[in-house]
C-alpha atoms as a PDB file:
ATOM      1  CA  MET A   1       2.571  31.397  -5.155  1.00  0.00           C
ATOM      2  CA  LYS A   2       1.080  30.208  -1.643  1.00  0.00           C
ATOM      3  CA  MET A   3      -2.264  32.054  -2.584  1.00  0.00           C
ATOM      4  CA  TYR A   4      -1.896  30.313  -5.660  1.00  0.00           C
ATOM      5  CA  LEU A   5      -1.003  27.130  -4.273  1.00  0.00           C
ATOM      6  CA  ASN A   6      -3.841  27.817  -2.434  1.00  0.00           C
ATOM      7  CA  LYS A   7      -6.671  27.780  -4.728  1.00  0.00           C
ATOM      8  CA  ILE A   8      -5.110  25.037  -6.123  1.00  0.00           C
ATOM      9  CA  PHE A   9      -5.668  22.688  -2.711  1.00  0.00           C
ATOM     10  CA  VAL A  10      -9.461  24.018  -1.847  1.00  0.00           C
ATOM     11  CA  LEU A  11     -10.661  23.316  -6.571  1.00  0.00           C
ATOM     12  CA  ILE A  12      -8.658  20.270  -5.673  1.00  0.00           C
ATOM     13  CA  ILE A  13     -10.579  18.891  -2.602  1.00  0.00           C
ATOM     14  CA  TYR A  14     -13.784  20.247  -3.570  1.00  0.00           C
ATOM     15  CA  SER A  15     -12.743  18.432  -7.430  1.00  0.00           C
ATOM     16  CA  ILE A  16     -12.776  15.092  -5.289  1.00  0.00           C
ATOM     17  CA  PHE A  17     -15.784  15.652  -2.830  1.00  0.00           C
ATOM     18  CA  TYR A  18     -17.994  16.299  -5.957  1.00  0.00           C
ATOM     19  CA  ILE A  19     -16.879  13.079  -7.860  1.00  0.00           C
ATOM     20  CA  ILE A  20     -17.890  10.762  -4.474  1.00  0.00           C
ATOM     21  CA  LEU A  21     -20.851  12.133  -3.368  1.00  0.00           C
ATOM     22  CA  SER A  22     -22.838  12.776  -7.255  1.00  0.00           C
ATOM     23  CA  PRO A  23     -24.084  10.085  -8.298  1.00  0.00           C
ATOM     24  CA  GLN A  24     -24.161   8.336 -11.424  1.00  0.00           C
ATOM     25  CA  ASP A  25     -25.140   5.806 -13.353  1.00  0.00           C
ATOM     26  CA  VAL A  26     -21.548   3.118 -14.395  1.00  0.00           C
ATOM     27  CA  TYR A  27     -22.069   1.071 -17.336  1.00  0.00           C
ATOM     28  CA  ALA A  28     -19.373  -1.885 -16.240  1.00  0.00           C
ATOM     29  CA  TYR A  29     -18.713  -4.955 -17.147  1.00  0.00           C
ATOM     30  CA  ILE A  30     -15.269  -6.677 -14.986  1.00  0.00           C
ATOM     31  CA  ASP A  31     -14.021  -9.383 -17.116  1.00  0.00           C
ATOM     32  CA  PRO A  32     -13.174 -12.941 -15.085  1.00  0.00           C
ATOM     33  CA  GLY A  33      -8.949 -12.586 -17.062  1.00  0.00           C
ATOM     34  CA  THR A  34      -9.861  -8.673 -14.995  1.00  0.00           C
ATOM     35  CA  THR A  35     -10.791 -10.302 -11.848  1.00  0.00           C
ATOM     36  CA  ASN A  36      -8.122 -13.227 -11.931  1.00  0.00           C
ATOM     37  CA  LEU A  37      -5.415 -10.101 -12.617  1.00  0.00           C
ATOM     38  CA  ILE A  38      -6.280  -8.951  -8.895  1.00  0.00           C
ATOM     39  CA  VAL A  39      -6.712 -11.245  -6.764  1.00  0.00           C
ATOM     40  CA  SER A  40      -2.929 -12.390  -8.693  1.00  0.00           C
ATOM     41  CA  ALA A  41      -1.857  -9.016  -7.523  1.00  0.00           C
ATOM     42  CA  ILE A  42      -2.920  -9.052  -4.304  1.00  0.00           C
ATOM     43  CA  ILE A  43      -1.679 -12.782  -3.188  1.00  0.00           C
ATOM     44  CA  ALA A  44       1.341 -11.168  -4.921  1.00  0.00           C
ATOM     45  CA  LEU A  45       1.176  -8.809  -2.268  1.00  0.00           C
ATOM     46  CA  PHE A  46       0.803 -10.396   0.983  1.00  0.00           C
ATOM     47  CA  ALA A  47       4.053 -13.228  -0.259  1.00  0.00           C
ATOM     48  CA  THR A  48       5.438 -10.286  -0.355  1.00  0.00           C
ATOM     49  CA  ILE A  49       4.861  -9.128   2.481  1.00  0.00           C
ATOM     50  CA  GLY A  50       5.971 -11.908   4.250  1.00  0.00           C
ATOM     51  CA  TYR A  51       8.835 -12.341   2.171  1.00  0.00           C
ATOM     52  CA  TYR A  52      10.028  -9.116   3.964  1.00  0.00           C
ATOM     53  CA  PHE A  53       9.303  -9.847   7.258  1.00  0.00           C
ATOM     54  CA  ARG A  54      10.780 -12.612   7.182  1.00  0.00           C
ATOM     55  CA  ILE A  55      13.968 -11.819   6.371  1.00  0.00           C
ATOM     56  CA  ILE A  56      13.710  -9.095   8.627  1.00  0.00           C
ATOM     57  CA  VAL A  57      12.511 -11.157  12.090  1.00  0.00           C
ATOM     58  CA  GLN A  58      16.246 -13.614  10.567  1.00  0.00           C
ATOM     59  CA  LYS A  59      18.048 -10.624  10.561  1.00  0.00           C
ATOM     60  CA  ILE A  60      16.841 -10.034  14.253  1.00  0.00           C
ATOM     61  CA  LYS A  61      17.008 -13.358  15.553  1.00  0.00           C
ATOM     62  CA  GLU A  62      21.000 -13.249  14.115  1.00  0.00           C
ATOM     63  CA  TYR A  63      21.357  -9.277  15.803  1.00  0.00           C
ATOM     64  CA  MET A  64      20.486 -11.650  19.552  1.00  0.00           C
ATOM     65  CA  ASN A  65      22.776 -14.112  18.204  1.00  0.00           C
ATOM     66  CA  MET A  66      25.823 -12.280  17.738  1.00  0.00           C
ATOM     67  CA  LEU A  67      25.075  -9.997  21.247  1.00  0.00           C
ATOM     68  CA  ARG A  68      24.722 -13.311  23.325  1.00  0.00           C
ATOM     69  CA  SER A  69      27.838 -14.382  22.002  1.00  0.00           C
ATOM     70  CA  PHE A  70      29.193 -11.720  22.737  1.00  0.00           C
ATOM     71  CA  PHE A  71      27.966 -11.286  26.466  1.00  0.00           C
ATOM     72  CA  ILE A  72      28.039 -14.616  27.203  1.00  0.00           C
ATOM     73  CA  LYS A  73      31.572 -15.223  26.333  1.00  0.00           C
END
């Protein structure tokens, strides 16, 4: 079983390298709607990261204030 998975892994790696390194002509068009969707997704990603970072910082501040009030008494 292990040998079988090893052969599959090697085949996948060779396939990826072949696809990346072989030059091909691509006839594609990205319309403005698709670009707008990609930009909106990137903005939403950064907004989500900022929101969760703010929550983590707020929790750390609350914990520090709790420790401070515990030791000051």
